[in-house]
């Protein structure tokens, strides 16, 4: 017990005599700022980049599909072709109803 009290007293005495520096160690603030401004992508940035690219591709596919559908709806279909589609459609519906 006496030994631990002696050690504690010596540590406290040394702590009181220590001259604490008021400023940061040389280059510490520069290293902290450099690490904070580091541009290495983290996991969420990679996911956000993937999502942005996937969204762009999906929008392009939707635009192409809409353009194709628009073009197909106003294509130069003759009355005979339209009539044939109507006949086939009614035949299918009649067979499904039975």
PDB file of N, CA and C in Angstrom:
ATOM      1  N   UNK A   1       0.825  -1.185   0.000  1.00  0.00           N
ATOM      2  CA  UNK A   1       0.000   0.000   0.000  1.00  0.00           C
ATOM      3  C   UNK A   1       0.869   1.249   0.000  1.00  0.00           C
ATOM      4  N   UNK A   2       1.895   1.212   0.785  1.00  0.00           N
ATOM      5  CA  UNK A   2       2.783   2.364   0.876  1.00  0.00           C
ATOM      6  C   UNK A   2       3.450   2.631  -0.469  1.00  0.00           C
ATOM      7  N   UNK A   3       3.804   1.578  -1.142  1.00  0.00           N
ATOM      8  CA  UNK A   3       4.479   1.712  -2.424  1.00  0.00           C
ATOM      9  C   UNK A   3       3.553   2.358  -3.465  1.00  0.00           C
ATOM     10  N   UNK A   4       2.281   1.953  -3.531  1.00  0.00           N
ATOM     11  CA  UNK A   4       1.360   2.536  -4.507  1.00  0.00           C
ATOM     12  C   UNK A   4       1.063   4.000  -4.192  1.00  0.00           C
ATOM     13  N   UNK A   5       1.017   4.346  -2.901  1.00  0.00           N
ATOM     14  CA  UNK A   5       0.799   5.756  -2.544  1.00  0.00           C
ATOM     15  C   UNK A   5       1.998   6.600  -2.931  1.00  0.00           C
ATOM     16  N   UNK A   6       3.166   6.031  -2.783  1.00  0.00           N
ATOM     17  CA  UNK A   6       4.383   6.748  -3.160  1.00  0.00           C
ATOM     18  C   UNK A   6       4.430   6.966  -4.677  1.00  0.00           C
ATOM     19  N   UNK A   7       4.064   5.953  -5.412  1.00  0.00           N
ATOM     20  CA  UNK A   7       4.069   6.059  -6.871  1.00  0.00           C
ATOM     21  C   UNK A   7       3.047   7.097  -7.330  1.00  0.00           C
ATOM     22  N   UNK A   8       1.840   7.066  -6.723  1.00  0.00           N
ATOM     23  CA  UNK A   8       0.809   8.031  -7.085  1.00  0.00           C
ATOM     24  C   UNK A   8       1.256   9.451  -6.764  1.00  0.00           C
ATOM     25  N   UNK A   9       1.871   9.651  -5.617  1.00  0.00           N
ATOM     26  CA  UNK A   9       2.347  10.978  -5.238  1.00  0.00           C
ATOM     27  C   UNK A   9       3.418  11.462  -6.214  1.00  0.00           C
ATOM     28  N   UNK A  10       4.320  10.588  -6.603  1.00  0.00           N
ATOM     29  CA  UNK A  10       5.365  10.979  -7.554  1.00  0.00           C
ATOM     30  C   UNK A  10       4.776  11.330  -8.921  1.00  0.00           C
ATOM     31  N   UNK A  11       3.757  10.554  -9.359  1.00  0.00           N
ATOM     32  CA  UNK A  11       3.111  10.857 -10.648  1.00  0.00           C
ATOM     33  C   UNK A  11       2.402  12.201 -10.614  1.00  0.00           C
ATOM     34  N   UNK A  12       1.681  12.477  -9.538  1.00  0.00           N
ATOM     35  CA  UNK A  12       0.983  13.756  -9.428  1.00  0.00           C
ATOM     36  C   UNK A  12       1.972  14.916  -9.361  1.00  0.00           C
ATOM     37  N   UNK A  13       3.073  14.717  -8.656  1.00  0.00           N
ATOM     38  CA  UNK A  13       4.090  15.755  -8.568  1.00  0.00           C
ATOM     39  C   UNK A  13       4.705  16.016  -9.955  1.00  0.00           C
ATOM     40  N   UNK A  14       4.966  14.969 -10.703  1.00  0.00           N
ATOM     41  CA  UNK A  14       5.539  15.131 -12.051  1.00  0.00           C
ATOM     42  C   UNK A  14       4.542  15.810 -12.984  1.00  0.00           C
ATOM     43  N   UNK A  15       3.241  15.509 -12.813  1.00  0.00           N
ATOM     44  CA  UNK A  15       2.225  16.130 -13.657  1.00  0.00           C
ATOM     45  C   UNK A  15       2.113  17.620 -13.382  1.00  0.00           C
ATOM     46  N   UNK A  16       2.287  18.019 -12.125  1.00  0.00           N
ATOM     47  CA  UNK A  16       2.226  19.453 -11.800  1.00  0.00           C
ATOM     48  C   UNK A  16       3.406  20.210 -12.373  1.00  0.00           C
ATOM     49  N   UNK A  17       4.542  19.601 -12.425  1.00  0.00           N
ATOM     50  CA  UNK A  17       5.728  20.285 -12.918  1.00  0.00           C
ATOM     51  C   UNK A  17       5.827  20.281 -14.443  1.00  0.00           C
ATOM     52  N   UNK A  18       5.027  19.460 -15.101  1.00  0.00           N
ATOM     53  CA  UNK A  18       5.080  19.365 -16.554  1.00  0.00           C
ATOM     54  C   UNK A  18       4.628  20.678 -17.174  1.00  0.00           C
ATOM     55  N   UNK A  19       5.363  21.121 -18.185  1.00  0.00           N
ATOM     56  CA  UNK A  19       5.015  22.342 -18.897  1.00  0.00           C
ATOM     57  C   UNK A  19       4.214  21.947 -20.142  1.00  0.00           C
ATOM     58  N   UNK A  20       2.886  22.146 -20.093  1.00  0.00           N
ATOM     59  CA  UNK A  20       2.020  21.759 -21.213  1.00  0.00           C
ATOM     60  C   UNK A  20       2.181  22.755 -22.353  1.00  0.00           C
ATOM     61  N   UNK A  21       2.277  22.246 -23.559  1.00  0.00           N
ATOM     62  CA  UNK A  21       2.413  23.112 -24.723  1.00  0.00           C
ATOM     63  C   UNK A  21       1.038  23.643 -25.114  1.00  0.00           C
ATOM     64  N   UNK A  22       0.992  24.914 -25.480  1.00  0.00           N
ATOM     65  CA  UNK A  22      -0.272  25.555 -25.816  1.00  0.00           C
ATOM     66  C   UNK A  22      -0.657  25.322 -27.266  1.00  0.00           C
ATOM     67  N   UNK A  23       0.282  24.986 -28.123  1.00  0.00           N
ATOM     68  CA  UNK A  23      -0.048  24.802 -29.523  1.00  0.00           C
ATOM     69  C   UNK A  23       0.087  23.337 -29.935  1.00  0.00           C
ATOM     70  N   UNK A  24      -0.517  23.050 -31.066  1.00  0.00           N
ATOM     71  CA  UNK A  24      -0.511  21.674 -31.561  1.00  0.00           C
ATOM     72  C   UNK A  24       0.876  21.289 -32.044  1.00  0.00           C
ATOM     73  N   UNK A  25       1.130  19.990 -32.086  1.00  0.00           N
ATOM     74  CA  UNK A  25       2.417  19.549 -32.634  1.00  0.00           C
ATOM     75  C   UNK A  25       2.551  19.952 -34.092  1.00  0.00           C
ATOM     76  N   UNK A  26       3.773  20.051 -34.562  1.00  0.00           N
ATOM     77  CA  UNK A  26       4.041  20.525 -35.910  1.00  0.00           C
ATOM     78  C   UNK A  26       3.379  19.632 -36.951  1.00  0.00           C
ATOM     79  N   UNK A  27       2.563  20.233 -37.814  1.00  0.00           N
ATOM     80  CA  UNK A  27       1.947  19.526 -38.915  1.00  0.00           C
ATOM     81  C   UNK A  27       0.688  18.754 -38.577  1.00  0.00           C
ATOM     82  N   UNK A  28       0.290  18.734 -37.322  1.00  0.00           N
ATOM     83  CA  UNK A  28      -0.890  17.963 -36.936  1.00  0.00           C
ATOM     84  C   UNK A  28      -2.151  18.521 -37.586  1.00  0.00           C
ATOM     85  N   UNK A  29      -2.336  19.826 -37.538  1.00  0.00           N
ATOM     86  CA  UNK A  29      -3.534  20.426 -38.135  1.00  0.00           C
ATOM     87  C   UNK A  29      -3.553  20.238 -39.646  1.00  0.00           C
ATOM     88  N   UNK A  30      -2.382  20.279 -40.278  1.00  0.00           N
ATOM     89  CA  UNK A  30      -2.319  20.057 -41.718  1.00  0.00           C
ATOM     90  C   UNK A  30      -2.721  18.628 -42.072  1.00  0.00           C
ATOM     91  N   UNK A  31      -2.256  17.670 -41.280  1.00  0.00           N
ATOM     92  CA  UNK A  31      -2.622  16.273 -41.538  1.00  0.00           C
ATOM     93  C   UNK A  31      -4.107  16.039 -41.325  1.00  0.00           C
ATOM     94  N   UNK A  32      -4.686  16.664 -40.314  1.00  0.00           N
ATOM     95  CA  UNK A  32      -6.115  16.501 -40.058  1.00  0.00           C
ATOM     96  C   UNK A  32      -6.938  17.092 -41.204  1.00  0.00           C
ATOM     97  N   UNK A  33      -6.574  18.287 -41.661  1.00  0.00           N
ATOM     98  CA  UNK A  33      -7.296  18.904 -42.774  1.00  0.00           C
ATOM     99  C   UNK A  33      -7.122  18.114 -44.068  1.00  0.00           C
ATOM    100  N   UNK A  34      -5.940  17.588 -44.294  1.00  0.00           N
ATOM    101  CA  UNK A  34      -5.718  16.789 -45.504  1.00  0.00           C
ATOM    102  C   UNK A  34      -6.563  15.525 -45.471  1.00  0.00           C
ATOM    103  N   UNK A  35      -6.678  14.908 -44.307  1.00  0.00           N
ATOM    104  CA  UNK A  35      -7.490  13.693 -44.197  1.00  0.00           C
ATOM    105  C   UNK A  35      -8.975  14.010 -44.365  1.00  0.00           C
ATOM    106  N   UNK A  36      -9.409  15.162 -43.865  1.00  0.00           N
ATOM    107  CA  UNK A  36     -10.819  15.549 -43.989  1.00  0.00           C
ATOM    108  C   UNK A  36     -11.179  15.867 -45.436  1.00  0.00           C
ATOM    109  N   UNK A  37     -10.250  16.409 -46.195  1.00  0.00           N
ATOM    110  CA  UNK A  37     -10.511  16.780 -47.585  1.00  0.00           C
ATOM    111  C   UNK A  37     -10.153  15.671 -48.566  1.00  0.00           C
ATOM    112  N   UNK A  38      -9.826  14.509 -48.062  1.00  0.00           N
ATOM    113  CA  UNK A  38      -9.467  13.382 -48.906  1.00  0.00           C
ATOM    114  C   UNK A  38     -10.644  13.010 -49.792  1.00  0.00           C
ATOM    115  N   UNK A  39     -10.391  12.726 -51.064  1.00  0.00           N
ATOM    116  CA  UNK A  39     -11.462  12.464 -52.020  1.00  0.00           C
ATOM    117  C   UNK A  39     -11.681  10.975 -52.288  1.00  0.00           C
ATOM    118  N   UNK A  40     -11.124  10.122 -51.471  1.00  0.00           N
ATOM    119  CA  UNK A  40     -11.323   8.680 -51.680  1.00  0.00           C
ATOM    120  C   UNK A  40     -12.792   8.347 -51.463  1.00  0.00           C
ATOM    121  N   UNK A  41     -13.405   7.643 -52.422  1.00  0.00           N
ATOM    122  CA  UNK A  41     -14.831   7.336 -52.291  1.00  0.00           C
ATOM    123  C   UNK A  41     -15.090   6.312 -51.195  1.00  0.00           C
ATOM    124  N   UNK A  42     -16.095   6.559 -50.419  1.00  0.00           N
ATOM    125  CA  UNK A  42     -16.497   5.583 -49.413  1.00  0.00           C
ATOM    126  C   UNK A  42     -17.620   4.730 -50.000  1.00  0.00           C
ATOM    127  N   UNK A  43     -18.166   3.829 -49.227  1.00  0.00           N
ATOM    128  CA  UNK A  43     -19.172   2.906 -49.726  1.00  0.00           C
ATOM    129  C   UNK A  43     -20.428   3.584 -50.224  1.00  0.00           C
ATOM    130  N   UNK A  44     -20.895   4.589 -49.517  1.00  0.00           N
ATOM    131  CA  UNK A  44     -22.140   5.244 -49.929  1.00  0.00           C
ATOM    132  C   UNK A  44     -21.952   6.057 -51.204  1.00  0.00           C
ATOM    133  N   UNK A  45     -20.771   6.597 -51.432  1.00  0.00           N
ATOM    134  CA  UNK A  45     -20.526   7.349 -52.665  1.00  0.00           C
ATOM    135  C   UNK A  45     -20.527   6.411 -53.871  1.00  0.00           C
ATOM    136  N   UNK A  46     -19.999   5.212 -53.696  1.00  0.00           N
ATOM    137  CA  UNK A  46     -19.990   4.239 -54.783  1.00  0.00           C
ATOM    138  C   UNK A  46     -21.417   3.811 -55.116  1.00  0.00           C
ATOM    139  N   UNK A  47     -22.228   3.600 -54.091  1.00  0.00           N
ATOM    140  CA  UNK A  47     -23.627   3.218 -54.300  1.00  0.00           C
ATOM    141  C   UNK A  47     -24.386   4.347 -54.990  1.00  0.00           C
ATOM    142  N   UNK A  48     -24.142   5.587 -54.584  1.00  0.00           N
ATOM    143  CA  UNK A  48     -24.817   6.729 -55.202  1.00  0.00           C
ATOM    144  C   UNK A  48     -24.422   6.865 -56.676  1.00  0.00           C
ATOM    145  N   UNK A  49     -23.162   6.637 -56.991  1.00  0.00           N
ATOM    146  CA  UNK A  49     -22.711   6.706 -58.374  1.00  0.00           C
ATOM    147  C   UNK A  49     -23.365   5.603 -59.209  1.00  0.00           C
ATOM    148  N   UNK A  50     -23.434   4.396 -58.669  1.00  0.00           N
ATOM    149  CA  UNK A  50     -24.083   3.293 -59.376  1.00  0.00           C
ATOM    150  C   UNK A  50     -25.562   3.592 -59.604  1.00  0.00           C
ATOM    151  N   UNK A  51     -26.237   4.136 -58.590  1.00  0.00           N
ATOM    152  CA  UNK A  51     -27.657   4.455 -58.706  1.00  0.00           C
ATOM    153  C   UNK A  51     -27.886   5.522 -59.773  1.00  0.00           C
ATOM    154  N   UNK A  52     -27.026   6.508 -59.819  1.00  0.00           N
ATOM    155  CA  UNK A  52     -27.159   7.571 -60.815  1.00  0.00           C
ATOM    156  C   UNK A  52     -27.001   7.017 -62.228  1.00  0.00           C
ATOM    157  N   UNK A  53     -26.030   6.141 -62.424  1.00  0.00           N
ATOM    158  CA  UNK A  53     -25.833   5.558 -63.753  1.00  0.00           C
ATOM    159  C   UNK A  53     -26.984   4.643 -64.132  1.00  0.00           C
ATOM    160  N   UNK A  54     -27.457   3.842 -63.185  1.00  0.00           N
ATOM    161  CA  UNK A  54     -28.580   2.935 -63.464  1.00  0.00           C
ATOM    162  C   UNK A  54     -29.841   3.725 -63.804  1.00  0.00           C
ATOM    163  N   UNK A  55     -30.058   4.843 -63.127  1.00  0.00           N
ATOM    164  CA  UNK A  55     -31.215   5.683 -63.415  1.00  0.00           C
ATOM    165  C   UNK A  55     -31.118   6.267 -64.822  1.00  0.00           C
ATOM    166  N   UNK A  56     -29.947   6.711 -65.208  1.00  0.00           N
ATOM    167  CA  UNK A  56     -29.755   7.260 -66.556  1.00  0.00           C
ATOM    168  C   UNK A  56     -30.013   6.219 -67.636  1.00  0.00           C
ATOM    169  N   UNK A  57     -29.527   5.011 -67.420  1.00  0.00           N
ATOM    170  CA  UNK A  57     -29.754   3.944 -68.398  1.00  0.00           C
ATOM    171  C   UNK A  57     -31.229   3.596 -68.466  1.00  0.00           C
ATOM    172  N   UNK A  58     -31.896   3.521 -67.302  1.00  0.00           N
ATOM    173  CA  UNK A  58     -33.326   3.197 -67.288  1.00  0.00           C
ATOM    174  C   UNK A  58     -34.144   4.270 -67.997  1.00  0.00           C
ATOM    175  N   UNK A  59     -33.796   5.535 -67.803  1.00  0.00           N
ATOM    176  CA  UNK A  59     -34.508   6.615 -68.495  1.00  0.00           C
ATOM    177  C   UNK A  59     -34.303   6.544 -70.010  1.00  0.00           C
ATOM    178  N   UNK A  60     -33.099   6.185 -70.439  1.00  0.00           N
ATOM    179  CA  UNK A  60     -32.836   6.061 -71.872  1.00  0.00           C
ATOM    180  C   UNK A  60     -33.656   4.920 -72.478  1.00  0.00           C
ATOM    181  N   UNK A  61     -33.743   3.797 -71.769  1.00  0.00           N
ATOM    182  CA  UNK A  61     -34.534   2.665 -72.267  1.00  0.00           C
ATOM    183  C   UNK A  61     -36.011   3.035 -72.328  1.00  0.00           C
ATOM    184  N   UNK A  62     -36.506   3.743 -71.319  1.00  0.00           N
ATOM    185  CA  UNK A  62     -37.912   4.165 -71.318  1.00  0.00           C
ATOM    186  C   UNK A  62     -38.199   5.134 -72.462  1.00  0.00           C
ATOM    187  N   UNK A  63     -37.268   6.032 -72.748  1.00  0.00           N
ATOM    188  CA  UNK A  63     -37.465   6.977 -73.846  1.00  0.00           C
ATOM    189  C   UNK A  63     -37.503   6.253 -75.183  1.00  0.00           C
ATOM    190  N   UNK A  64     -36.626   5.275 -75.368  1.00  0.00           N
ATOM    191  CA  UNK A  64     -36.634   4.506 -76.616  1.00  0.00           C
ATOM    192  C   UNK A  64     -37.922   3.699 -76.757  1.00  0.00           C
ATOM    193  N   UNK A  65     -38.401   3.113 -75.662  1.00  0.00           N
ATOM    194  CA  UNK A  65     -39.641   2.347 -75.718  1.00  0.00           C
ATOM    195  C   UNK A  65     -40.825   3.249 -76.030  1.00  0.00           C
ATOM    196  N   UNK A  66     -40.862   4.434 -75.423  1.00  0.00           N
ATOM    197  CA  UNK A  66     -41.954   5.370 -75.690  1.00  0.00           C
ATOM    198  C   UNK A  66     -41.921   5.845 -77.149  1.00  0.00           C
ATOM    199  N   UNK A  67     -40.729   6.098 -77.665  1.00  0.00           N
ATOM    200  CA  UNK A  67     -40.615   6.520 -79.061  1.00  0.00           C
ATOM    201  C   UNK A  67     -41.056   5.400 -80.000  1.00  0.00           C
ATOM    202  N   UNK A  68     -40.708   4.184 -79.688  1.00  0.00           N
ATOM    203  CA  UNK A  68     -41.140   3.056 -80.509  1.00  0.00           C
ATOM    204  C   UNK A  68     -42.636   2.854 -80.470  1.00  0.00           C
ATOM    205  N   UNK A  69     -43.222   2.998 -79.294  1.00  0.00           N
ATOM    206  CA  UNK A  69     -44.667   2.856 -79.168  1.00  0.00           C
ATOM    207  C   UNK A  69     -45.395   3.978 -79.899  1.00  0.00           C
ATOM    208  N   UNK A  70     -44.875   5.181 -79.792  1.00  0.00           N
ATOM    209  CA  UNK A  70     -45.477   6.321 -80.487  1.00  0.00           C
ATOM    210  C   UNK A  70     -45.408   6.114 -81.995  1.00  0.00           C
ATOM    211  N   UNK A  71     -44.264   5.659 -82.466  1.00  0.00           N
ATOM    212  CA  UNK A  71     -44.108   5.427 -83.895  1.00  0.00           C
ATOM    213  C   UNK A  71     -44.994   4.295 -84.388  1.00  0.00           C
ATOM    214  N   UNK A  72     -45.170   3.274 -83.567  1.00  0.00           N
ATOM    215  CA  UNK A  72     -46.011   2.144 -83.970  1.00  0.00           C
ATOM    216  C   UNK A  72     -47.481   2.533 -83.985  1.00  0.00           C
ATOM    217  N   UNK A  73     -47.886   3.426 -83.116  1.00  0.00           N
ATOM    218  CA  UNK A  73     -49.297   3.808 -83.075  1.00  0.00           C
ATOM    219  C   UNK A  73     -49.686   4.686 -84.267  1.00  0.00           C
ATOM    220  N   UNK A  74     -48.738   5.412 -84.839  1.00  0.00           N
ATOM    221  CA  UNK A  74     -49.041   6.270 -85.979  1.00  0.00           C
ATOM    222  C   UNK A  74     -48.420   5.762 -87.276  1.00  0.00           C
ATOM    223  N   UNK A  75     -48.106   4.482 -87.315  1.00  0.00           N
ATOM    224  CA  UNK A  75     -47.506   3.942 -88.536  1.00  0.00           C
ATOM    225  C   UNK A  75     -48.560   3.898 -89.644  1.00  0.00           C
ATOM    226  N   UNK A  76     -48.123   3.683 -90.820  1.00  0.00           N
ATOM    227  CA  UNK A  76     -48.998   3.698 -91.986  1.00  0.00           C
ATOM    228  C   UNK A  76     -49.673   2.337 -92.140  1.00  0.00           C
ATOM    229  N   UNK A  77     -50.627   2.050 -91.258  1.00  0.00           N
ATOM    230  CA  UNK A  77     -51.351   0.783 -91.317  1.00  0.00           C
ATOM    231  C   UNK A  77     -52.547   0.946 -92.247  1.00  0.00           C
ATOM    232  N   UNK A  78     -52.710  -0.002 -93.094  1.00  0.00           N
ATOM    233  CA  UNK A  78     -53.852   0.065 -94.000  1.00  0.00           C
ATOM    234  C   UNK A  78     -55.102  -0.426 -93.293  1.00  0.00           C
ATOM    235  N   UNK A  79     -56.249  -0.179 -93.867  1.00  0.00           N
ATOM    236  CA  UNK A  79     -57.517  -0.596 -93.274  1.00  0.00           C
ATOM    237  C   UNK A  79     -57.638  -2.113 -93.263  1.00  0.00           C
ATOM    238  N   UNK A  80     -57.021  -2.766 -94.237  1.00  0.00           N
ATOM    239  CA  UNK A  80     -57.095  -4.223 -94.289  1.00  0.00           C
ATOM    240  C   UNK A  80     -56.362  -4.853 -93.117  1.00  0.00           C
ATOM    241  N   UNK A  81     -55.189  -4.330 -92.798  1.00  0.00           N
ATOM    242  CA  UNK A  81     -54.421  -4.869 -91.686  1.00  0.00           C
ATOM    243  C   UNK A  81     -55.161  -4.660 -90.380  1.00  0.00           C
ATOM    244  N   UNK A  82     -55.715  -3.500 -90.188  1.00  0.00           N
ATOM    245  CA  UNK A  82     -56.476  -3.210 -88.972  1.00  0.00           C
ATOM    246  C   UNK A  82     -57.674  -4.140 -88.878  1.00  0.00           C
ATOM    247  N   UNK A  83     -58.341  -4.383 -89.994  1.00  0.00           N
ATOM    248  CA  UNK A  83     -59.498  -5.262 -90.017  1.00  0.00           C
ATOM    249  C   UNK A  83     -59.090  -6.703 -89.682  1.00  0.00           C
ATOM    250  N   UNK A  84     -57.928  -7.150 -90.177  1.00  0.00           N
ATOM    251  CA  UNK A  84     -57.454  -8.498 -89.875  1.00  0.00           C
ATOM    252  C   UNK A  84     -57.163  -8.652 -88.389  1.00  0.00           C
ATOM    253  N   UNK A  85     -56.553  -7.635 -87.795  1.00  0.00           N
ATOM    254  CA  UNK A  85     -56.285  -7.693 -86.355  1.00  0.00           C
ATOM    255  C   UNK A  85     -57.584  -7.746 -85.565  1.00  0.00           C
ATOM    256  N   UNK A  86     -58.586  -7.024 -86.003  1.00  0.00           N
ATOM    257  CA  UNK A  86     -59.886  -7.043 -85.330  1.00  0.00           C
ATOM    258  C   UNK A  86     -60.544  -8.403 -85.410  1.00  0.00           C
ATOM    259  N   UNK A  87     -60.425  -9.065 -86.554  1.00  0.00           N
ATOM    260  CA  UNK A  87     -61.013 -10.399 -86.726  1.00  0.00           C
ATOM    261  C   UNK A  87     -60.318 -11.406 -85.818  1.00  0.00           C
ATOM    262  N   UNK A  88     -58.993 -11.359 -85.774  1.00  0.00           N
ATOM    263  CA  UNK A  88     -58.242 -12.293 -84.926  1.00  0.00           C
ATOM    264  C   UNK A  88     -58.548 -12.035 -83.462  1.00  0.00           C
ATOM    265  N   UNK A  89     -58.637 -10.783 -83.071  1.00  0.00           N
ATOM    266  CA  UNK A  89     -58.935 -10.439 -81.680  1.00  0.00           C
ATOM    267  C   UNK A  89     -60.314 -10.944 -81.271  1.00  0.00           C
ATOM    268  N   UNK A  90     -61.298 -10.765 -82.113  1.00  0.00           N
ATOM    269  CA  UNK A  90     -62.637 -11.230 -81.764  1.00  0.00           C
ATOM    270  C   UNK A  90     -62.692 -12.754 -81.718  1.00  0.00           C
ATOM    271  N   UNK A  91     -61.927 -13.425 -82.571  1.00  0.00           N
ATOM    272  CA  UNK A  91     -61.896 -14.890 -82.552  1.00  0.00           C
ATOM    273  C   UNK A  91     -61.276 -15.386 -81.261  1.00  0.00           C
ATOM    274  N   UNK A  92     -60.225 -14.746 -80.810  1.00  0.00           N
ATOM    275  CA  UNK A  92     -59.585 -15.133 -79.553  1.00  0.00           C
ATOM    276  C   UNK A  92     -60.545 -14.925 -78.397  1.00  0.00           C
ATOM    277  N   UNK A  93     -61.222 -13.801 -78.358  1.00  0.00           N
ATOM    278  CA  UNK A  93     -62.144 -13.525 -77.265  1.00  0.00           C
ATOM    279  C   UNK A  93     -63.315 -14.513 -77.270  1.00  0.00           C
ATOM    280  N   UNK A  94     -63.809 -14.879 -78.444  1.00  0.00           N
ATOM    281  CA  UNK A  94     -64.911 -15.856 -78.517  1.00  0.00           C
ATOM    282  C   UNK A  94     -64.469 -17.232 -78.024  1.00  0.00           C
ATOM    283  N   UNK A  95     -63.243 -17.634 -78.324  1.00  0.00           N
ATOM    284  CA  UNK A  95     -62.761 -18.943 -77.886  1.00  0.00           C
ATOM    285  C   UNK A  95     -62.481 -18.958 -76.382  1.00  0.00           C
ATOM    286  N   UNK A  96     -62.056 -17.851 -75.831  1.00  0.00           N
ATOM    287  CA  UNK A  96     -61.813 -17.783 -74.383  1.00  0.00           C
ATOM    288  C   UNK A  96     -63.110 -17.786 -73.602  1.00  0.00           C
ATOM    289  N   UNK A  97     -64.164 -17.242 -74.189  1.00  0.00           N
ATOM    290  CA  UNK A  97     -65.448 -17.170 -73.490  1.00  0.00           C
ATOM    291  C   UNK A  97     -66.098 -18.542 -73.389  1.00  0.00           C
ATOM    292  N   UNK A  98     -65.798 -19.453 -74.266  1.00  0.00           N
ATOM    293  CA  UNK A  98     -66.429 -20.779 -74.274  1.00  0.00           C
ATOM    294  C   UNK A  98     -65.916 -21.665 -73.200  1.00  0.00           C
TER     295      UNK A  98
END
